[in-house]
């Protein structure tokens, strides 16, 4: 999955970008308070993308 597609899905679920680091971006779900690291690769493997979406309740 492309990172832009994952970020779009996260935004549609109500999550927002908390901060950007050198190799990861931190996304937060304001309803649950869960923070998840998203790698800054162009392509993110499907199992990792599913894990990120599941943990952020997206």
PDB file of N, CA and C in Angstrom:
ATOM      1  N   UNK A   1       0.839  -1.163   0.000  1.00  0.00           N
ATOM      2  CA  UNK A   1       0.000   0.000   0.000  1.00  0.00           C
ATOM      3  C   UNK A   1       0.894   1.240   0.000  1.00  0.00           C
ATOM      4  N   UNK A   2       0.519   2.206  -0.773  1.00  0.00           N
ATOM      5  CA  UNK A   2       1.286   3.448  -0.802  1.00  0.00           C
ATOM      6  C   UNK A   2       1.021   4.231   0.489  1.00  0.00           C
ATOM      7  N   UNK A   3       2.046   4.924   0.946  1.00  0.00           N
ATOM      8  CA  UNK A   3       1.916   5.690   2.188  1.00  0.00           C
ATOM      9  C   UNK A   3       0.829   6.742   2.070  1.00  0.00           C
ATOM     10  N   UNK A   4       0.709   7.370   0.916  1.00  0.00           N
ATOM     11  CA  UNK A   4      -0.313   8.408   0.740  1.00  0.00           C
ATOM     12  C   UNK A   4      -1.719   7.818   0.889  1.00  0.00           C
ATOM     13  N   UNK A   5      -1.930   6.589   0.397  1.00  0.00           N
ATOM     14  CA  UNK A   5      -3.232   5.940   0.545  1.00  0.00           C
ATOM     15  C   UNK A   5      -3.522   5.632   2.010  1.00  0.00           C
ATOM     16  N   UNK A   6      -2.502   5.184   2.735  1.00  0.00           N
ATOM     17  CA  UNK A   6      -2.663   4.901   4.159  1.00  0.00           C
ATOM     18  C   UNK A   6      -2.975   6.183   4.924  1.00  0.00           C
ATOM     19  N   UNK A   7      -2.266   7.255   4.633  1.00  0.00           N
ATOM     20  CA  UNK A   7      -2.507   8.521   5.315  1.00  0.00           C
ATOM     21  C   UNK A   7      -3.904   9.042   5.008  1.00  0.00           C
ATOM     22  N   UNK A   8      -4.363   8.862   3.778  1.00  0.00           N
ATOM     23  CA  UNK A   8      -5.712   9.291   3.407  1.00  0.00           C
ATOM     24  C   UNK A   8      -6.755   8.516   4.218  1.00  0.00           C
ATOM     25  N   UNK A   9      -6.551   7.204   4.375  1.00  0.00           N
ATOM     26  CA  UNK A   9      -7.476   6.379   5.153  1.00  0.00           C
ATOM     27  C   UNK A   9      -7.475   6.802   6.621  1.00  0.00           C
ATOM     28  N   UNK A  10      -6.304   7.149   7.138  1.00  0.00           N
ATOM     29  CA  UNK A  10      -6.217   7.591   8.525  1.00  0.00           C
ATOM     30  C   UNK A  10      -6.950   8.918   8.731  1.00  0.00           C
ATOM     31  N   UNK A  11      -6.788   9.846   7.793  1.00  0.00           N
ATOM     32  CA  UNK A  11      -7.470  11.139   7.904  1.00  0.00           C
ATOM     33  C   UNK A  11      -8.986  10.963   7.842  1.00  0.00           C
ATOM     34  N   UNK A  12      -9.447  10.095   6.955  1.00  0.00           N
ATOM     35  CA  UNK A  12     -10.884   9.856   6.819  1.00  0.00           C
ATOM     36  C   UNK A  12     -11.449   9.240   8.098  1.00  0.00           C
ATOM     37  N   UNK A  13     -10.613   8.527   8.858  1.00  0.00           N
ATOM     38  CA  UNK A  13     -11.053   7.911  10.112  1.00  0.00           C
ATOM     39  C   UNK A  13     -10.975   8.882  11.282  1.00  0.00           C
ATOM     40  N   UNK A  14     -10.532  10.114  11.052  1.00  0.00           N
ATOM     41  CA  UNK A  14     -10.488  11.108  12.110  1.00  0.00           C
ATOM     42  C   UNK A  14      -9.136  11.228  12.788  1.00  0.00           C
ATOM     43  N   UNK A  15      -8.135  10.503  12.316  1.00  0.00           N
ATOM     44  CA  UNK A  15      -6.799  10.585  12.911  1.00  0.00           C
ATOM     45  C   UNK A  15      -6.064  11.791  12.327  1.00  0.00           C
ATOM     46  N   UNK A  16      -5.052  12.248  13.046  1.00  0.00           N
ATOM     47  CA  UNK A  16      -4.252  13.349  12.523  1.00  0.00           C
ATOM     48  C   UNK A  16      -2.780  13.140  12.845  1.00  0.00           C
ATOM     49  N   UNK A  17      -1.941  13.836  12.117  1.00  0.00           N
ATOM     50  CA  UNK A  17      -0.494  13.737  12.258  1.00  0.00           C
ATOM     51  C   UNK A  17      -0.071  14.505  13.504  1.00  0.00           C
ATOM     52  N   UNK A  18       0.567  13.806  14.446  1.00  0.00           N
ATOM     53  CA  UNK A  18       1.021  14.448  15.684  1.00  0.00           C
ATOM     54  C   UNK A  18       2.366  15.121  15.467  1.00  0.00           C
ATOM     55  N   UNK A  19       3.337  14.358  14.911  1.00  0.00           N
ATOM     56  CA  UNK A  19       4.635  14.950  14.603  1.00  0.00           C
ATOM     57  C   UNK A  19       5.357  14.071  13.598  1.00  0.00           C
ATOM     58  N   UNK A  20       6.356  14.646  12.947  1.00  0.00           N
ATOM     59  CA  UNK A  20       7.173  13.917  11.982  1.00  0.00           C
ATOM     60  C   UNK A  20       8.570  13.754  12.545  1.00  0.00           C
ATOM     61  N   UNK A  21       9.098  12.551  12.401  1.00  0.00           N
ATOM     62  CA  UNK A  21      10.466  12.272  12.809  1.00  0.00           C
ATOM     63  C   UNK A  21      11.311  12.020  11.582  1.00  0.00           C
ATOM     64  N   UNK A  22      12.521  11.525  11.788  1.00  0.00           N
ATOM     65  CA  UNK A  22      13.432  11.280  10.678  1.00  0.00           C
ATOM     66  C   UNK A  22      12.983  10.093   9.833  1.00  0.00           C
ATOM     67  N   UNK A  23      12.515   9.024  10.493  1.00  0.00           N
ATOM     68  CA  UNK A  23      12.158   7.822   9.749  1.00  0.00           C
ATOM     69  C   UNK A  23      10.704   7.407   9.937  1.00  0.00           C
ATOM     70  N   UNK A  24       9.989   8.032  10.887  1.00  0.00           N
ATOM     71  CA  UNK A  24       8.596   7.692  11.135  1.00  0.00           C
ATOM     72  C   UNK A  24       7.787   8.966  11.384  1.00  0.00           C
ATOM     73  N   UNK A  25       6.486   8.868  11.126  1.00  0.00           N
ATOM     74  CA  UNK A  25       5.542   9.917  11.483  1.00  0.00           C
ATOM     75  C   UNK A  25       4.629   9.342  12.554  1.00  0.00           C
ATOM     76  N   UNK A  26       4.270  10.136  13.539  1.00  0.00           N
ATOM     77  CA  UNK A  26       3.375   9.678  14.588  1.00  0.00           C
ATOM     78  C   UNK A  26       1.970  10.191  14.311  1.00  0.00           C
ATOM     79  N   UNK A  27       1.027   9.262  14.231  1.00  0.00           N
ATOM     80  CA  UNK A  27      -0.376   9.573  14.014  1.00  0.00           C
ATOM     81  C   UNK A  27      -1.131   9.266  15.289  1.00  0.00           C
ATOM     82  N   UNK A  28      -2.158  10.060  15.585  1.00  0.00           N
ATOM     83  CA  UNK A  28      -2.938   9.882  16.801  1.00  0.00           C
ATOM     84  C   UNK A  28      -4.429   9.840  16.460  1.00  0.00           C
ATOM     85  N   UNK A  29      -5.137   8.990  17.186  1.00  0.00           N
ATOM     86  CA  UNK A  29      -6.589   8.950  17.108  1.00  0.00           C
ATOM     87  C   UNK A  29      -7.098   9.723  18.320  1.00  0.00           C
ATOM     88  N   UNK A  30      -7.696  10.894  18.133  1.00  0.00           N
ATOM     89  CA  UNK A  30      -8.088  11.719  19.282  1.00  0.00           C
ATOM     90  C   UNK A  30      -9.201  11.096  20.125  1.00  0.00           C
ATOM     91  N   UNK A  31     -10.013  10.220  19.544  1.00  0.00           N
ATOM     92  CA  UNK A  31     -11.097   9.592  20.312  1.00  0.00           C
ATOM     93  C   UNK A  31     -10.556   8.585  21.318  1.00  0.00           C
ATOM     94  N   UNK A  32      -9.513   7.833  20.923  1.00  0.00           N
ATOM     95  CA  UNK A  32      -8.980   6.793  21.803  1.00  0.00           C
ATOM     96  C   UNK A  32      -7.667   7.194  22.451  1.00  0.00           C
ATOM     97  N   UNK A  33      -6.965   8.168  21.883  1.00  0.00           N
ATOM     98  CA  UNK A  33      -5.673   8.592  22.413  1.00  0.00           C
ATOM     99  C   UNK A  33      -4.522   7.696  22.007  1.00  0.00           C
ATOM    100  N   UNK A  34      -4.774   6.742  21.107  1.00  0.00           N
ATOM    101  CA  UNK A  34      -3.734   5.819  20.660  1.00  0.00           C
ATOM    102  C   UNK A  34      -2.821   6.530  19.665  1.00  0.00           C
ATOM    103  N   UNK A  35      -1.514   6.332  19.841  1.00  0.00           N
ATOM    104  CA  UNK A  35      -0.514   6.899  18.935  1.00  0.00           C
ATOM    105  C   UNK A  35       0.187   5.744  18.238  1.00  0.00           C
ATOM    106  N   UNK A  36       0.386   5.868  16.924  1.00  0.00           N
ATOM    107  CA  UNK A  36       1.020   4.807  16.143  1.00  0.00           C
ATOM    108  C   UNK A  36       2.062   5.428  15.218  1.00  0.00           C
ATOM    109  N   UNK A  37       3.192   4.741  15.084  1.00  0.00           N
ATOM    110  CA  UNK A  37       4.256   5.189  14.192  1.00  0.00           C
ATOM    111  C   UNK A  37       4.011   4.647  12.783  1.00  0.00           C
ATOM    112  N   UNK A  38       4.109   5.520  11.792  1.00  0.00           N
ATOM    113  CA  UNK A  38       3.955   5.140  10.388  1.00  0.00           C
ATOM    114  C   UNK A  38       5.289   5.406   9.704  1.00  0.00           C
ATOM    115  N   UNK A  39       5.892   4.373   9.098  1.00  0.00           N
ATOM    116  CA  UNK A  39       7.188   4.584   8.449  1.00  0.00           C
ATOM    117  C   UNK A  39       7.066   5.525   7.255  1.00  0.00           C
ATOM    118  N   UNK A  40       8.159   6.193   6.936  1.00  0.00           N
ATOM    119  CA  UNK A  40       8.150   7.167   5.851  1.00  0.00           C
ATOM    120  C   UNK A  40       8.598   6.561   4.525  1.00  0.00           C
ATOM    121  N   UNK A  41       8.354   5.276   4.331  1.00  0.00           N
ATOM    122  CA  UNK A  41       8.671   4.623   3.063  1.00  0.00           C
ATOM    123  C   UNK A  41       7.568   4.941   2.069  1.00  0.00           C
ATOM    124  N   UNK A  42       7.902   4.887   0.782  1.00  0.00           N
ATOM    125  CA  UNK A  42       6.899   5.118  -0.258  1.00  0.00           C
ATOM    126  C   UNK A  42       5.866   3.999  -0.264  1.00  0.00           C
ATOM    127  N   UNK A  43       6.320   2.772  -0.067  1.00  0.00           N
ATOM    128  CA  UNK A  43       5.444   1.600  -0.018  1.00  0.00           C
ATOM    129  C   UNK A  43       5.488   1.007   1.378  1.00  0.00           C
ATOM    130  N   UNK A  44       4.319   0.696   1.920  1.00  0.00           N
ATOM    131  CA  UNK A  44       4.216   0.051   3.226  1.00  0.00           C
ATOM    132  C   UNK A  44       3.568  -1.305   2.994  1.00  0.00           C
ATOM    133  N   UNK A  45       4.170  -2.358   3.527  1.00  0.00           N
ATOM    134  CA  UNK A  45       3.651  -3.704   3.316  1.00  0.00           C
ATOM    135  C   UNK A  45       2.245  -3.815   3.902  1.00  0.00           C
ATOM    136  N   UNK A  46       1.414  -4.630   3.227  1.00  0.00           N
ATOM    137  CA  UNK A  46       0.014  -4.765   3.599  1.00  0.00           C
ATOM    138  C   UNK A  46      -0.208  -5.187   5.053  1.00  0.00           C
ATOM    139  N   UNK A  47       0.517  -6.189   5.578  1.00  0.00           N
ATOM    140  CA  UNK A  47       0.266  -6.563   6.980  1.00  0.00           C
ATOM    141  C   UNK A  47       0.528  -5.411   7.954  1.00  0.00           C
ATOM    142  N   UNK A  48       1.555  -4.626   7.708  1.00  0.00           N
ATOM    143  CA  UNK A  48       1.858  -3.483   8.567  1.00  0.00           C
ATOM    144  C   UNK A  48       0.780  -2.416   8.438  1.00  0.00           C
ATOM    145  N   UNK A  49       0.314  -2.163   7.219  1.00  0.00           N
ATOM    146  CA  UNK A  49      -0.739  -1.169   7.003  1.00  0.00           C
ATOM    147  C   UNK A  49      -2.025  -1.587   7.726  1.00  0.00           C
ATOM    148  N   UNK A  50      -2.383  -2.869   7.649  1.00  0.00           N
ATOM    149  CA  UNK A  50      -3.563  -3.369   8.354  1.00  0.00           C
ATOM    150  C   UNK A  50      -3.413  -3.223   9.863  1.00  0.00           C
ATOM    151  N   UNK A  51      -2.191  -3.496  10.394  1.00  0.00           N
ATOM    152  CA  UNK A  51      -1.929  -3.372  11.832  1.00  0.00           C
ATOM    153  C   UNK A  51      -2.089  -1.931  12.288  1.00  0.00           C
ATOM    154  N   UNK A  52      -1.564  -0.985  11.496  1.00  0.00           N
ATOM    155  CA  UNK A  52      -1.662   0.436  11.838  1.00  0.00           C
ATOM    156  C   UNK A  52      -3.137   0.878  11.835  1.00  0.00           C
ATOM    157  N   UNK A  53      -3.881   0.500  10.799  1.00  0.00           N
ATOM    158  CA  UNK A  53      -5.284   0.873  10.724  1.00  0.00           C
ATOM    159  C   UNK A  53      -6.092   0.258  11.861  1.00  0.00           C
ATOM    160  N   UNK A  54      -5.780  -0.991  12.206  1.00  0.00           N
ATOM    161  CA  UNK A  54      -6.506  -1.666  13.288  1.00  0.00           C
ATOM    162  C   UNK A  54      -6.203  -1.011  14.636  1.00  0.00           C
ATOM    163  N   UNK A  55      -4.944  -0.716  14.899  1.00  0.00           N
ATOM    164  CA  UNK A  55      -4.593  -0.160  16.199  1.00  0.00           C
ATOM    165  C   UNK A  55      -5.122   1.260  16.385  1.00  0.00           C
ATOM    166  N   UNK A  56      -5.276   1.996  15.288  1.00  0.00           N
ATOM    167  CA  UNK A  56      -5.833   3.349  15.374  1.00  0.00           C
ATOM    168  C   UNK A  56      -7.354   3.340  15.211  1.00  0.00           C
ATOM    169  N   UNK A  57      -7.940   2.160  15.146  1.00  0.00           N
ATOM    170  CA  UNK A  57      -9.385   1.990  15.019  1.00  0.00           C
ATOM    171  C   UNK A  57      -9.925   2.716  13.790  1.00  0.00           C
ATOM    172  N   UNK A  58      -9.180   2.633  12.703  1.00  0.00           N
ATOM    173  CA  UNK A  58      -9.592   3.297  11.464  1.00  0.00           C
ATOM    174  C   UNK A  58     -10.311   2.319  10.547  1.00  0.00           C
TER     175      UNK A  58
END
